[in-house]
């Protein structure tokens, strides 16, 4: 689907609020290298956040894809980054009367089941397993299953959802030599962690649903949220830019594109920002359920009963990307304050 730019009829005050929200969530607390150079992941996605919020404000059914497997964790499990942001987006859409589904691999389902039950939303938000086994009609078959659950679908959102790395065919001719020198043949086209570990066998091939032609044919707008260069949506950014800014970026850079890409310091923050921006565009900021105490409760529940792990530390502890919770809380509290001042 060609990227559609919405008429910028937002008030100057709303534009400033959206800019402030985006700035707050783009601090690189994990030192990933999002803006290491002048030409970077943040500069290359300029304008996408505002347009994503405006697009989502007139959505019908929305499907949110998440779940990132950490094979080096003890024990191996999905990480805590992604699910919290996905759940906030889903709650926000629900508060606006939208039909919404969350889909993830089987290993991540329990974390959502206990969280939705805790929030009293077990029968309000559809929770669907993402099939890991690929098939010739994977995208159409899965889309049909999703439509059976929530009806018409206008948007796909991938948050902290890893996609396949580049193959030689997707690299401009002038960069082929650098690409071949900085990658191994065995890892090209594979779904990789930040450290380059192959998690293709543990990851549903969701990128097949995000194919531009497939989504265009089905009138679906694609949104991507990521923080490291290897997530669905990062294909919007040239391989050279990710390779230059992100450690191991040449190897792990994802090739899957979206219509709007939100780059955040932590993917959960991108989810919080998208939900907050959606409420501003819908002129319903008072509907926000975002607060740092609730998010910590959900995080602890997802870890204790859902088995999630910190993706950077590889441990089953209530943290996200190895960043102290006070940093996460300060971002959440800023967004909450912004919405309250608007309501």
Protein backbone atom coordinates (compact mmCIF):
# COMPACT_ATOMS: atom_id res chain seq x y z
CA UNK A 1 0.00 0.00 0.00
CA UNK A 2 1.37 3.39 -0.94
CA UNK A 3 2.00 5.61 2.04
CA UNK A 4 -0.95 7.97 2.41
CA UNK A 5 -0.28 11.31 4.05
CA UNK A 6 -3.27 12.62 5.93
CA UNK A 7 -4.32 16.23 5.67
CA UNK A 8 -2.57 17.97 8.51
CA UNK A 9 -5.61 19.62 10.05
CA UNK A 10 -4.39 19.12 13.59
CA UNK A 11 -4.27 22.28 15.67
CA UNK A 12 -0.87 23.84 16.43
CA UNK A 13 -1.34 22.81 20.06
CA UNK A 14 -2.01 19.18 19.12
CA UNK A 15 0.97 19.13 16.80
CA UNK A 16 3.16 20.37 19.64
CA UNK A 17 1.74 17.74 21.99
CA UNK A 18 2.43 14.98 19.47
CA UNK A 19 5.96 16.26 18.95
CA UNK A 20 6.54 16.28 22.71
CA UNK A 21 5.14 12.76 23.09
CA UNK A 22 7.37 11.45 20.31
CA UNK A 23 10.44 13.22 21.72
CA UNK A 24 9.80 11.67 25.14
CA UNK A 25 9.72 8.10 23.79
CA UNK A 26 12.67 8.48 21.43
CA UNK A 27 15.31 8.91 24.12
CA UNK A 28 17.79 6.09 23.50
CA UNK A 29 17.86 4.75 27.06
CA UNK A 30 19.24 1.40 25.92
CA UNK A 31 22.00 2.99 23.82
CA UNK A 32 20.93 1.12 20.70
CA UNK A 33 22.24 3.83 18.38
CA UNK A 34 18.91 5.09 17.05
CA UNK A 35 20.43 8.47 16.23
CA UNK A 36 24.16 7.82 16.41
CA UNK A 37 24.77 9.71 13.16
CA UNK A 38 23.03 12.64 11.49
CA UNK A 39 21.32 10.29 9.04
CA UNK A 40 19.61 7.85 11.37
CA UNK A 41 16.55 5.76 12.22
CA UNK A 42 14.73 8.67 13.84
CA UNK A 43 15.37 11.18 11.07
CA UNK A 44 14.36 8.65 8.42
CA UNK A 45 10.94 8.07 10.04
CA UNK A 46 10.11 11.76 10.47
CA UNK A 47 6.39 12.51 10.17
CA UNK A 48 5.30 8.88 10.43
CA UNK A 49 4.18 9.08 14.06
CA UNK A 50 1.77 11.96 13.48
CA UNK A 51 0.35 10.31 10.38
CA UNK A 52 0.04 6.94 12.13
CA UNK A 53 -1.99 8.51 14.94
CA UNK A 54 -4.26 10.28 12.50
CA UNK A 55 -4.74 7.17 10.37
CA UNK A 56 -5.57 5.00 13.35
CA UNK A 57 -8.13 7.54 14.59
CA UNK A 58 -10.43 6.52 11.72
CA UNK A 59 -9.77 2.80 11.94
CA UNK A 60 -12.17 -0.12 11.85
CA UNK A 61 -10.88 -3.47 13.12
CA UNK A 62 -7.23 -3.52 14.21
CA UNK A 63 -4.88 -6.48 14.65
CA UNK A 64 -1.80 -6.06 16.85
CA UNK A 65 1.12 -8.47 16.34
CA UNK A 66 3.81 -8.91 18.99
CA UNK A 67 6.02 -11.47 20.72
CA UNK A 68 9.82 -11.63 20.49
CA UNK A 69 11.52 -14.89 21.46
CA UNK A 70 14.78 -14.76 23.43
CA UNK A 71 16.62 -18.09 22.89
CA UNK A 72 19.49 -17.19 25.24
CA UNK A 73 17.19 -16.55 28.23
CA UNK A 74 16.99 -18.90 31.20
CA UNK A 75 14.69 -20.51 30.28
CA UNK A 76 14.14 -19.39 26.66
CA UNK A 77 10.95 -17.31 26.47
CA UNK A 78 9.36 -14.23 24.86
CA UNK A 79 10.50 -10.87 26.16
CA UNK A 80 8.72 -8.17 28.14
CA UNK A 81 9.16 -5.50 25.48
CA UNK A 82 6.22 -5.43 23.08
CA UNK A 83 3.39 -7.05 25.07
CA UNK A 84 2.82 -4.08 27.42
CA UNK A 85 2.74 -1.59 24.56
CA UNK A 86 0.48 -3.89 22.55
CA UNK A 87 -1.93 -4.21 25.46
CA UNK A 88 -2.14 -0.44 25.93
CA UNK A 89 -2.87 0.13 22.24
CA UNK A 90 -5.57 -2.56 22.43
CA UNK A 91 -7.16 -1.03 25.54
CA UNK A 92 -7.12 2.38 23.89
CA UNK A 93 -8.78 1.12 20.72
CA UNK A 94 -11.36 -0.72 22.80
CA UNK A 95 -12.19 2.47 24.72
CA UNK A 96 -12.93 4.12 21.36
CA UNK A 97 -15.32 1.34 20.38
CA UNK A 98 -13.01 -0.42 17.93
CA UNK A 99 -12.78 -4.15 17.37
CA UNK A 100 -9.28 -5.31 18.24
CA UNK A 101 -7.26 -8.51 18.32
CA UNK A 102 -3.83 -9.30 19.71
CA UNK A 103 -1.90 -12.13 18.13
CA UNK A 104 1.34 -13.76 19.21
CA UNK A 105 3.06 -17.14 19.27
CA UNK A 106 1.82 -19.82 21.66
CA UNK A 107 4.72 -19.17 24.04
CA UNK A 108 3.46 -15.62 24.64
CA UNK A 109 -0.27 -16.33 24.95
CA UNK A 110 -0.33 -17.00 28.70
CA UNK A 111 1.14 -13.58 29.48
CA UNK A 112 -1.77 -11.94 27.69
CA UNK A 113 -4.37 -14.32 29.10
CA UNK A 114 -3.48 -13.52 32.72
CA UNK A 115 -3.17 -9.80 31.98
CA UNK A 116 -6.52 -9.53 30.20
CA UNK A 117 -8.16 -11.46 33.02
CA UNK A 118 -6.54 -9.15 35.59
CA UNK A 119 -7.87 -6.12 33.72
CA UNK A 120 -11.34 -7.62 33.29
CA UNK A 121 -10.97 -7.66 29.50
CA UNK A 122 -10.80 -11.38 28.85
CA UNK A 123 -13.93 -11.32 26.68
CA UNK A 124 -13.39 -7.86 25.18
CA UNK A 125 -10.10 -8.22 23.26
CA UNK A 126 -9.62 -11.20 20.94
CA UNK A 127 -6.45 -13.17 21.64
CA UNK A 128 -5.27 -15.34 18.76
CA UNK A 129 -2.27 -17.61 18.35
CA UNK A 130 0.07 -16.77 15.46
CA UNK A 131 0.85 -20.00 13.57
CA UNK A 132 4.58 -20.64 13.29
CA UNK A 133 4.37 -23.09 10.40
CA UNK A 134 4.43 -21.27 7.08
CA UNK A 135 2.23 -22.39 4.19
CA UNK A 136 1.65 -21.33 0.61
CA UNK A 137 -1.49 -19.42 1.61
CA UNK A 138 -0.31 -18.34 5.08
CA UNK A 139 -1.25 -14.67 4.75
CA UNK A 140 -4.72 -15.20 3.28
CA UNK A 141 -5.53 -18.09 5.60
CA UNK A 142 -4.50 -16.17 8.72
CA UNK A 143 -6.30 -13.03 7.58
CA UNK A 144 -9.48 -15.04 7.13
CA UNK A 145 -9.10 -16.38 10.68
CA UNK A 146 -8.60 -12.86 12.03
CA UNK A 147 -11.65 -11.55 10.18
CA UNK A 148 -13.76 -14.32 11.66
CA UNK A 149 -12.86 -12.97 15.11
CA UNK A 150 -13.25 -9.21 14.65
CA UNK A 151 -14.82 -8.56 11.24
CA UNK A 152 -13.46 -5.98 8.81
CA UNK A 153 -9.80 -5.05 9.37
CA UNK A 154 -8.35 -1.65 8.49
CA UNK A 155 -4.97 -1.74 10.27
CA UNK A 156 -2.14 -4.11 11.16
CA UNK A 157 0.23 -3.01 13.93
CA UNK A 158 3.51 -4.83 14.55
CA UNK A 159 5.17 -3.88 17.83
CA UNK A 160 8.57 -5.38 18.65
CA UNK A 161 7.91 -8.07 16.06
CA UNK A 162 11.05 -9.32 14.41
CA UNK A 163 11.15 -9.81 10.64
CA UNK A 164 13.60 -11.30 8.12
CA UNK A 165 16.95 -9.70 7.44
CA UNK A 166 18.11 -8.57 4.02
CA UNK A 167 19.10 -10.72 1.08
CA UNK A 168 21.44 -9.51 -1.64
CA UNK A 169 18.45 -8.78 -3.88
CA UNK A 170 17.21 -6.02 -1.57
CA UNK A 171 20.56 -4.22 -1.39
CA UNK A 172 21.41 -1.43 -3.90
CA UNK A 173 24.17 -2.44 -6.30
CA UNK A 174 26.59 0.15 -4.94
CA UNK A 175 26.32 -1.42 -1.45
CA UNK A 176 26.49 -5.10 -2.38
CA UNK A 177 30.18 -5.44 -1.62
CA UNK A 178 29.78 -3.94 1.86
CA UNK A 179 26.75 -6.15 2.49
CA UNK A 180 28.56 -9.34 1.50
CA UNK A 181 31.58 -8.39 3.61
CA UNK A 182 29.53 -7.63 6.75
CA UNK A 183 27.08 -10.56 6.71
CA UNK A 184 27.26 -14.35 6.59
CA UNK A 185 25.36 -16.23 3.94
CA UNK A 186 23.75 -18.47 6.58
CA UNK A 187 22.13 -15.50 8.34
CA UNK A 188 20.79 -13.61 5.32
CA UNK A 189 17.01 -13.60 5.07
CA UNK A 190 16.69 -15.02 8.59
CA UNK A 191 14.84 -13.56 11.59
CA UNK A 192 17.58 -12.47 13.98
CA UNK A 193 17.93 -11.11 17.50
CA UNK A 194 20.01 -8.00 18.19
CA UNK A 195 23.02 -10.25 18.79
CA UNK A 196 22.40 -12.09 15.53
CA UNK A 197 20.91 -15.31 16.90
CA UNK A 198 18.54 -17.02 14.46
CA UNK A 199 15.01 -17.21 15.89
CA UNK A 200 13.27 -18.07 12.62
CA UNK A 201 12.10 -21.48 13.95
CA UNK A 202 10.43 -19.80 16.95
CA UNK A 203 8.85 -16.87 15.12
CA UNK A 204 5.59 -16.80 13.19
CA UNK A 205 6.17 -15.51 9.62
CA UNK A 206 3.99 -12.47 10.25
CA UNK A 207 5.98 -10.53 7.67
CA UNK A 208 3.98 -12.40 5.02
CA UNK A 209 0.84 -10.55 6.13
CA UNK A 210 2.72 -7.24 5.96
CA UNK A 211 3.52 -7.67 2.28
CA UNK A 212 2.73 -4.34 0.62
CA UNK A 213 0.76 -5.83 -2.27
CA UNK A 214 -1.22 -8.15 0.00
CA UNK A 215 -2.23 -5.31 2.33
CA UNK A 216 -3.02 -2.99 -0.55
CA UNK A 217 -5.34 -5.60 -2.06
CA UNK A 218 -7.10 -5.94 1.29
CA UNK A 219 -7.20 -2.19 2.11
CA UNK A 220 -5.09 -2.62 5.24
CA UNK A 221 -2.75 0.09 6.54
CA UNK A 222 0.48 -1.21 8.09
CA UNK A 223 2.08 0.29 11.21
CA UNK A 224 5.39 -0.81 12.70
CA UNK A 225 6.96 -0.02 16.07
CA UNK A 226 10.56 -0.92 16.85
CA UNK A 227 13.69 0.05 18.72
CA UNK A 228 16.58 -1.89 17.24
CA UNK A 229 16.47 -2.18 13.46
CA UNK A 230 15.43 -5.84 13.25
CA UNK A 231 11.69 -5.34 13.63
CA UNK A 232 8.91 -5.34 11.03
CA UNK A 233 8.79 -1.81 9.60
CA UNK A 234 12.52 -1.18 9.65
CA UNK A 235 12.61 -2.03 5.96
CA UNK A 236 11.49 1.59 5.48
CA UNK A 237 15.00 2.63 6.45
CA UNK A 238 17.88 1.97 4.03
CA UNK A 239 20.16 -0.90 5.00
CA UNK A 240 23.13 1.47 4.97
CA UNK A 241 21.54 3.71 7.62
CA UNK A 242 20.78 0.85 10.02
CA UNK A 243 24.21 -0.65 9.39
CA UNK A 244 25.91 2.65 10.22
CA UNK A 245 23.91 3.47 13.35
CA UNK A 246 23.04 0.18 15.05
CA UNK A 247 25.56 -2.27 16.51
CA UNK A 248 25.34 -5.42 14.37
CA UNK A 249 22.87 -3.50 12.19
CA UNK A 250 24.35 -4.70 8.91
CA UNK A 251 23.49 -8.27 9.83
CA UNK A 252 20.15 -7.89 11.60
CA UNK A 253 18.41 -5.09 9.66
CA UNK A 254 14.86 -6.14 8.78
CA UNK A 255 13.67 -5.81 5.20
CA UNK A 256 9.89 -5.70 5.86
CA UNK A 257 8.29 -2.31 5.17
CA UNK A 258 5.20 -0.60 6.59
CA UNK A 259 3.17 2.49 5.74
CA UNK A 260 4.13 4.26 8.99
CA UNK A 261 7.13 3.45 11.17
CA UNK A 262 7.46 4.55 14.81
CA UNK A 263 11.00 4.37 16.16
CA UNK A 264 11.23 4.47 19.96
CA UNK A 265 13.89 3.96 22.61
CA UNK A 266 11.84 1.01 23.88
CA UNK A 267 9.10 -0.53 21.75
CA UNK A 268 6.65 -0.47 24.67
CA UNK A 269 7.15 3.31 24.76
CA UNK A 270 6.23 3.46 21.08
CA UNK A 271 3.00 1.64 21.95
CA UNK A 272 2.25 4.06 24.76
CA UNK A 273 2.93 6.97 22.41
CA UNK A 274 0.71 5.59 19.65
CA UNK A 275 -2.18 5.00 22.04
CA UNK A 276 -1.77 8.48 23.50
CA UNK A 277 -1.54 10.13 20.08
CA UNK A 278 -4.62 8.21 18.94
CA UNK A 279 -6.62 9.60 21.85
CA UNK A 280 -5.46 13.13 21.07
CA UNK A 281 -6.50 12.77 17.42
CA UNK A 282 -9.85 11.34 18.48
CA UNK A 283 -10.22 14.22 20.97
CA UNK A 284 -10.76 11.69 23.78
CA UNK A 285 -7.64 12.00 25.99
CA UNK A 286 -9.68 11.38 29.15
CA UNK A 287 -10.19 7.77 28.05
CA UNK A 288 -6.54 6.91 28.66
CA UNK A 289 -5.84 3.99 31.00
CA UNK A 290 -2.12 4.70 31.07
CA UNK A 291 -0.37 5.00 34.42
CA UNK A 292 2.97 3.69 35.63
CA UNK A 293 1.54 1.77 38.61
CA UNK A 294 -0.80 -0.25 36.40
CA UNK A 295 1.92 -0.91 33.84
CA UNK A 296 4.24 -2.24 36.55
CA UNK A 297 1.46 -4.48 37.85
CA UNK A 298 0.91 -5.87 34.35
CA UNK A 299 4.65 -6.35 33.85
CA UNK A 300 5.00 -8.26 37.12
CA UNK A 301 2.02 -10.43 36.21
CA UNK A 302 3.34 -11.16 32.72
CA UNK A 303 6.65 -12.27 34.21
CA UNK A 304 5.43 -14.17 37.29
CA UNK A 305 2.49 -15.99 35.70
CA UNK A 306 3.13 -15.51 31.99
CA UNK A 307 6.79 -16.51 31.95
CA UNK A 308 8.18 -13.49 30.06
CA UNK A 309 11.81 -12.44 30.43
CA UNK A 310 13.83 -9.25 30.17
CA UNK A 311 15.07 -9.34 26.59
CA UNK A 312 18.44 -7.78 27.29
CA UNK A 313 19.23 -9.49 30.60
CA UNK A 314 17.70 -12.82 29.61
CA UNK A 315 16.22 -13.26 33.08
CA UNK A 316 12.70 -13.84 34.33
CA UNK A 317 12.47 -10.57 36.21
CA UNK A 318 10.03 -7.65 36.04
CA UNK A 319 12.10 -5.33 33.87
CA UNK A 320 12.24 -4.29 30.23
CA UNK A 321 15.43 -4.09 28.14
CA UNK A 322 17.59 -3.97 31.26
CA UNK A 323 16.44 -0.42 32.00
CA UNK A 324 15.55 0.61 35.54
CA UNK A 325 11.78 0.85 36.01
CA UNK A 326 12.10 4.47 37.16
CA UNK A 327 13.07 5.41 33.58
CA UNK A 328 10.03 3.64 32.16
CA UNK A 329 7.83 5.24 34.82
CA UNK A 330 9.11 8.73 34.01
CA UNK A 331 8.17 8.28 30.33
CA UNK A 332 4.74 6.90 31.20
CA UNK A 333 4.10 9.66 33.75
CA UNK A 334 5.02 12.32 31.19
CA UNK A 335 2.54 10.91 28.66
CA UNK A 336 -0.12 10.60 31.36
CA UNK A 337 0.43 14.21 32.42
CA UNK A 338 0.21 15.39 28.80
CA UNK A 339 -3.14 13.66 28.30
CA UNK A 340 -4.56 14.91 31.59
CA UNK A 341 -3.64 18.50 30.73
CA UNK A 342 -5.53 18.12 27.45
CA UNK A 343 -8.65 16.43 28.85
